[in-house]
Amino acid sequence: MGRFGPEYWDKYGVYRTPLGFNLTLFVLLRPFLVWLMSALTWRPDLDIMSLFFPSKNDFLVAISIAAIALMPTVLYSMRRPSSAQKWGRVWRYMRWPLLLTAVLDLTWLLSQAASNHFQFSFYLAAQIVLVSWVILYLINSRYLTCFFGDWPEPDPK
């Protein structure tokens, strides 16, 4: 199966999803999550969007960058034995769109910091640190290599 033993497999015989992968999706898809939270908390005195995105243009750029990570997210949701095997060949390369999203996101965040003359902003600094950790995780994780190389076999039923 790979470098990791049966204790890492789920009931279908494929590698279990690492917690770091779920947190990676959470960090990379945060513009969509902030958008959803701001839509659900429809209060004029609580403007969540302005904490993360000072202007509408910043939000649109962030959504555009995060949209790259939607394809791995959709394929991850299809990762079960009843799915077509052709998606397994595509799944093998899904680390690269995530890494591209993280690098573009970090570049965008750093350009935002530079445009503010590197004045300290807690929300911007926290995002930069989180995205940097995601990049390090995507590059250094050996388990992700096995996780992306594994796709469930079709159901024999």
C-alpha atoms as a PDB file:
ATOM      1  CA  MET A   1       0.000   0.000   0.000  1.00  0.00           C
ATOM      2  CA  GLY A   2       2.790   2.408   0.762  1.00  0.00           C
ATOM      3  CA  ARG A   3       5.019   3.531   3.559  1.00  0.00           C
ATOM      4  CA  PHE A   4       2.351   3.596   6.257  1.00  0.00           C
ATOM      5  CA  GLY A   5       0.766   0.525   7.817  1.00  0.00           C
ATOM      6  CA  PRO A   6      -2.821  -0.655   8.312  1.00  0.00           C
ATOM      7  CA  GLU A   7      -3.344   1.588  11.330  1.00  0.00           C
ATOM      8  CA  TYR A   8      -3.505   4.491   8.855  1.00  0.00           C
ATOM      9  CA  TRP A   9      -6.188   2.890   6.645  1.00  0.00           C
ATOM     10  CA  ASP A  10      -9.919   3.425   6.856  1.00  0.00           C
ATOM     11  CA  LYS A  11     -12.671   0.840   6.354  1.00  0.00           C
ATOM     12  CA  TYR A  12     -12.229   0.979   2.549  1.00  0.00           C
ATOM     13  CA  GLY A  13      -8.506   0.207   2.713  1.00  0.00           C
ATOM     14  CA  VAL A  14      -7.347   3.700   1.738  1.00  0.00           C
ATOM     15  CA  TYR A  15      -5.388   6.192   3.797  1.00  0.00           C
ATOM     16  CA  ARG A  16      -7.405   8.141   6.350  1.00  0.00           C
ATOM     17  CA  THR A  17      -7.661  11.863   5.875  1.00  0.00           C
ATOM     18  CA  PRO A  18      -5.013  13.682   7.914  1.00  0.00           C
ATOM     19  CA  LEU A  19      -6.187  16.461  10.201  1.00  0.00           C
ATOM     20  CA  GLY A  20      -3.631  18.763   8.596  1.00  0.00           C
ATOM     21  CA  PHE A  21      -5.346  18.332   5.231  1.00  0.00           C
ATOM     22  CA  ASN A  22      -8.692  19.418   6.682  1.00  0.00           C
ATOM     23  CA  LEU A  23      -7.053  22.410   8.358  1.00  0.00           C
ATOM     24  CA  THR A  24      -5.329  23.253   5.074  1.00  0.00           C
ATOM     25  CA  LEU A  25      -8.688  23.351   3.305  1.00  0.00           C
ATOM     26  CA  PHE A  26     -10.069  25.487   6.125  1.00  0.00           C
ATOM     27  CA  VAL A  27      -7.238  28.036   5.783  1.00  0.00           C
ATOM     28  CA  LEU A  28      -7.216  28.135   1.989  1.00  0.00           C
ATOM     29  CA  LEU A  29     -10.994  28.395   1.670  1.00  0.00           C
ATOM     30  CA  ARG A  30     -11.297  31.073   4.374  1.00  0.00           C
ATOM     31  CA  PRO A  31     -12.611  33.785   1.979  1.00  0.00           C
ATOM     32  CA  PHE A  32     -15.602  31.538   1.275  1.00  0.00           C
ATOM     33  CA  LEU A  33     -16.009  30.814   4.999  1.00  0.00           C
ATOM     34  CA  VAL A  34     -15.810  34.513   5.921  1.00  0.00           C
ATOM     35  CA  TRP A  35     -18.342  35.274   3.205  1.00  0.00           C
ATOM     36  CA  LEU A  36     -20.672  32.586   4.566  1.00  0.00           C
ATOM     37  CA  MET A  37     -20.259  33.789   8.167  1.00  0.00           C
ATOM     38  CA  SER A  38     -20.964  37.380   7.200  1.00  0.00           C
ATOM     39  CA  ALA A  39     -24.061  36.307   5.287  1.00  0.00           C
ATOM     40  CA  LEU A  40     -25.341  34.287   8.237  1.00  0.00           C
ATOM     41  CA  THR A  41     -24.726  37.073  10.760  1.00  0.00           C
ATOM     42  CA  TRP A  42     -26.620  39.793   8.982  1.00  0.00           C
ATOM     43  CA  ARG A  43     -26.110  42.584  11.505  1.00  0.00           C
ATOM     44  CA  PRO A  44     -25.048  46.098  10.488  1.00  0.00           C
ATOM     45  CA  ASP A  45     -22.999  46.620  13.655  1.00  0.00           C
ATOM     46  CA  LEU A  46     -20.985  43.430  13.097  1.00  0.00           C
ATOM     47  CA  ASP A  47     -19.036  43.739   9.858  1.00  0.00           C
ATOM     48  CA  ILE A  48     -16.913  40.611   9.611  1.00  0.00           C
ATOM     49  CA  MET A  49     -15.990  41.200   5.983  1.00  0.00           C
ATOM     50  CA  SER A  50     -14.193  44.479   6.717  1.00  0.00           C
ATOM     51  CA  LEU A  51     -11.926  42.780   9.259  1.00  0.00           C
ATOM     52  CA  PHE A  52     -10.490  40.508   6.588  1.00  0.00           C
ATOM     53  CA  PHE A  53     -11.135  42.445   3.385  1.00  0.00           C
ATOM     54  CA  PRO A  54     -10.856  46.254   3.526  1.00  0.00           C
ATOM     55  CA  SER A  55     -12.274  46.715   0.029  1.00  0.00           C
ATOM     56  CA  LYS A  56     -14.498  44.850  -2.392  1.00  0.00           C
ATOM     57  CA  ASN A  57     -11.547  44.375  -4.750  1.00  0.00           C
ATOM     58  CA  ASP A  58      -9.557  42.632  -1.994  1.00  0.00           C
ATOM     59  CA  PHE A  59     -12.455  40.253  -1.421  1.00  0.00           C
ATOM     60  CA  LEU A  60     -12.816  39.453  -5.127  1.00  0.00           C
ATOM     61  CA  VAL A  61      -9.089  38.740  -5.476  1.00  0.00           C
ATOM     62  CA  ALA A  62      -9.154  36.516  -2.368  1.00  0.00           C
ATOM     63  CA  ILE A  63     -12.177  34.600  -3.684  1.00  0.00           C
ATOM     64  CA  SER A  64     -10.458  34.160  -7.054  1.00  0.00           C
ATOM     65  CA  ILE A  65      -7.353  32.753  -5.408  1.00  0.00           C
ATOM     66  CA  ALA A  66      -9.359  30.467  -3.097  1.00  0.00           C
ATOM     67  CA  ALA A  67     -11.393  29.157  -6.052  1.00  0.00           C
ATOM     68  CA  ILE A  68      -8.312  27.202  -7.169  1.00  0.00           C
ATOM     69  CA  ALA A  69      -8.631  25.091  -3.997  1.00  0.00           C
ATOM     70  CA  LEU A  70     -12.228  24.174  -4.790  1.00  0.00           C
ATOM     71  CA  MET A  71     -11.255  21.409  -7.230  1.00  0.00           C
ATOM     72  CA  PRO A  72      -9.254  19.410  -4.639  1.00  0.00           C
ATOM     73  CA  THR A  73     -12.109  19.969  -2.184  1.00  0.00           C
ATOM     74  CA  VAL A  74     -14.694  18.594  -4.601  1.00  0.00           C
ATOM     75  CA  LEU A  75     -12.510  15.605  -5.471  1.00  0.00           C
ATOM     76  CA  TYR A  76     -11.914  14.969  -1.778  1.00  0.00           C
ATOM     77  CA  SER A  77     -15.673  14.794  -1.238  1.00  0.00           C
ATOM     78  CA  MET A  78     -15.891  12.196  -4.040  1.00  0.00           C
ATOM     79  CA  ARG A  79     -13.197   9.961  -2.511  1.00  0.00           C
ATOM     80  CA  ARG A  80     -15.216   6.780  -1.894  1.00  0.00           C
ATOM     81  CA  PRO A  81     -15.542   3.365  -3.541  1.00  0.00           C
ATOM     82  CA  SER A  82     -18.674   4.300  -5.490  1.00  0.00           C
ATOM     83  CA  SER A  83     -16.791   7.050  -7.385  1.00  0.00           C
ATOM     84  CA  ALA A  84     -15.348   6.608 -10.849  1.00  0.00           C
ATOM     85  CA  GLN A  85     -11.737   5.462 -11.020  1.00  0.00           C
ATOM     86  CA  LYS A  86     -10.852   8.217 -13.510  1.00  0.00           C
ATOM     87  CA  TRP A  87     -11.009  10.707 -10.629  1.00  0.00           C
ATOM     88  CA  GLY A  88      -8.249   8.742  -8.900  1.00  0.00           C
ATOM     89  CA  ARG A  89      -5.838   9.654 -11.671  1.00  0.00           C
ATOM     90  CA  VAL A  90      -6.733  13.333 -11.216  1.00  0.00           C
ATOM     91  CA  TRP A  91      -6.643  13.093  -7.395  1.00  0.00           C
ATOM     92  CA  ARG A  92      -2.977  12.110  -7.566  1.00  0.00           C
ATOM     93  CA  TYR A  93      -2.028  15.661  -8.619  1.00  0.00           C
ATOM     94  CA  MET A  94      -4.240  17.655  -6.239  1.00  0.00           C
ATOM     95  CA  ARG A  95      -1.382  18.694  -3.972  1.00  0.00           C
ATOM     96  CA  TRP A  96      -0.217  21.127  -6.660  1.00  0.00           C
ATOM     97  CA  PRO A  97      -3.408  23.230  -6.884  1.00  0.00           C
ATOM     98  CA  LEU A  98      -3.391  23.469  -3.092  1.00  0.00           C
ATOM     99  CA  LEU A  99       0.241  24.563  -3.094  1.00  0.00           C
ATOM    100  CA  LEU A 100      -0.432  27.059  -5.896  1.00  0.00           C
ATOM    101  CA  THR A 101      -3.366  28.476  -3.946  1.00  0.00           C
ATOM    102  CA  ALA A 102      -1.253  28.826  -0.813  1.00  0.00           C
ATOM    103  CA  VAL A 103       1.632  30.534  -2.638  1.00  0.00           C
ATOM    104  CA  LEU A 104      -0.706  32.946  -4.448  1.00  0.00           C
ATOM    105  CA  ASP A 105      -2.528  33.628  -1.197  1.00  0.00           C
ATOM    106  CA  LEU A 106       0.712  34.363   0.649  1.00  0.00           C
ATOM    107  CA  THR A 107       1.846  36.632  -2.188  1.00  0.00           C
ATOM    108  CA  TRP A 108      -1.461  38.489  -2.065  1.00  0.00           C
ATOM    109  CA  LEU A 109      -1.293  38.865   1.722  1.00  0.00           C
ATOM    110  CA  LEU A 110       2.282  40.165   1.560  1.00  0.00           C
ATOM    111  CA  SER A 111       1.333  42.663  -1.145  1.00  0.00           C
ATOM    112  CA  GLN A 112      -1.521  43.856   1.087  1.00  0.00           C
ATOM    113  CA  ALA A 113       0.936  44.300   3.946  1.00  0.00           C
ATOM    114  CA  ALA A 114       3.305  46.206   1.670  1.00  0.00           C
ATOM    115  CA  SER A 115       0.532  48.491   0.440  1.00  0.00           C
ATOM    116  CA  ASN A 116      -0.199  49.365   4.081  1.00  0.00           C
ATOM    117  CA  HIS A 117       3.518  50.154   4.545  1.00  0.00           C
ATOM    118  CA  PHE A 118       3.799  47.081   6.790  1.00  0.00           C
ATOM    119  CA  GLN A 119       1.675  48.610   9.551  1.00  0.00           C
ATOM    120  CA  PHE A 120       0.761  45.878  11.992  1.00  0.00           C
ATOM    121  CA  SER A 121      -2.630  44.324  11.485  1.00  0.00           C
ATOM    122  CA  PHE A 122      -3.466  41.339  13.645  1.00  0.00           C
ATOM    123  CA  TYR A 123      -5.809  39.780  11.081  1.00  0.00           C
ATOM    124  CA  LEU A 124      -3.318  40.138   8.259  1.00  0.00           C
ATOM    125  CA  ALA A 125      -0.428  38.845  10.381  1.00  0.00           C
ATOM    126  CA  ALA A 126      -2.451  35.824  11.541  1.00  0.00           C
ATOM    127  CA  GLN A 127      -3.380  34.981   7.957  1.00  0.00           C
ATOM    128  CA  ILE A 128       0.239  35.271   6.812  1.00  0.00           C
ATOM    129  CA  VAL A 129       1.391  32.909   9.567  1.00  0.00           C
ATOM    130  CA  LEU A 130      -1.385  30.383   8.844  1.00  0.00           C
ATOM    131  CA  VAL A 131      -0.748  30.358   5.095  1.00  0.00           C
ATOM    132  CA  SER A 132       3.005  29.999   5.704  1.00  0.00           C
ATOM    133  CA  TRP A 133       2.323  26.965   7.896  1.00  0.00           C
ATOM    134  CA  VAL A 134       0.088  25.512   5.186  1.00  0.00           C
ATOM    135  CA  ILE A 135       2.867  25.890   2.607  1.00  0.00           C
ATOM    136  CA  LEU A 136       5.353  24.165   4.900  1.00  0.00           C
ATOM    137  CA  TYR A 137       2.870  21.359   5.575  1.00  0.00           C
ATOM    138  CA  LEU A 138       2.096  20.821   1.895  1.00  0.00           C
ATOM    139  CA  ILE A 139       5.793  20.687   1.031  1.00  0.00           C
ATOM    140  CA  ASN A 140       7.104  18.610   3.943  1.00  0.00           C
ATOM    141  CA  SER A 141       4.365  16.072   4.678  1.00  0.00           C
ATOM    142  CA  ARG A 142       5.306  12.543   3.629  1.00  0.00           C
ATOM    143  CA  TYR A 143       1.861  11.256   4.572  1.00  0.00           C
ATOM    144  CA  LEU A 144       0.208  13.612   2.083  1.00  0.00           C
ATOM    145  CA  THR A 145       2.205  11.984  -0.710  1.00  0.00           C
ATOM    146  CA  CYS A 146       0.642   8.622   0.144  1.00  0.00           C
ATOM    147  CA  PHE A 147      -2.766  10.198   0.801  1.00  0.00           C
ATOM    148  CA  PHE A 148      -2.903  11.836  -2.627  1.00  0.00           C
ATOM    149  CA  GLY A 149      -1.620   8.688  -4.324  1.00  0.00           C
ATOM    150  CA  ASP A 150      -4.428   6.547  -2.912  1.00  0.00           C
ATOM    151  CA  TRP A 151      -7.957   6.198  -4.291  1.00  0.00           C
ATOM    152  CA  PRO A 152     -10.577   3.652  -3.166  1.00  0.00           C
ATOM    153  CA  GLU A 153     -11.069   0.560  -5.274  1.00  0.00           C
ATOM    154  CA  PRO A 154     -14.553   0.092  -6.757  1.00  0.00           C
ATOM    155  CA  ASP A 155     -17.155  -1.754  -4.752  1.00  0.00           C
ATOM    156  CA  PRO A 156     -17.295  -5.431  -5.802  1.00  0.00           C
ATOM    157  CA  LYS A 157     -21.086  -5.423  -5.364  1.00  0.00           C
END
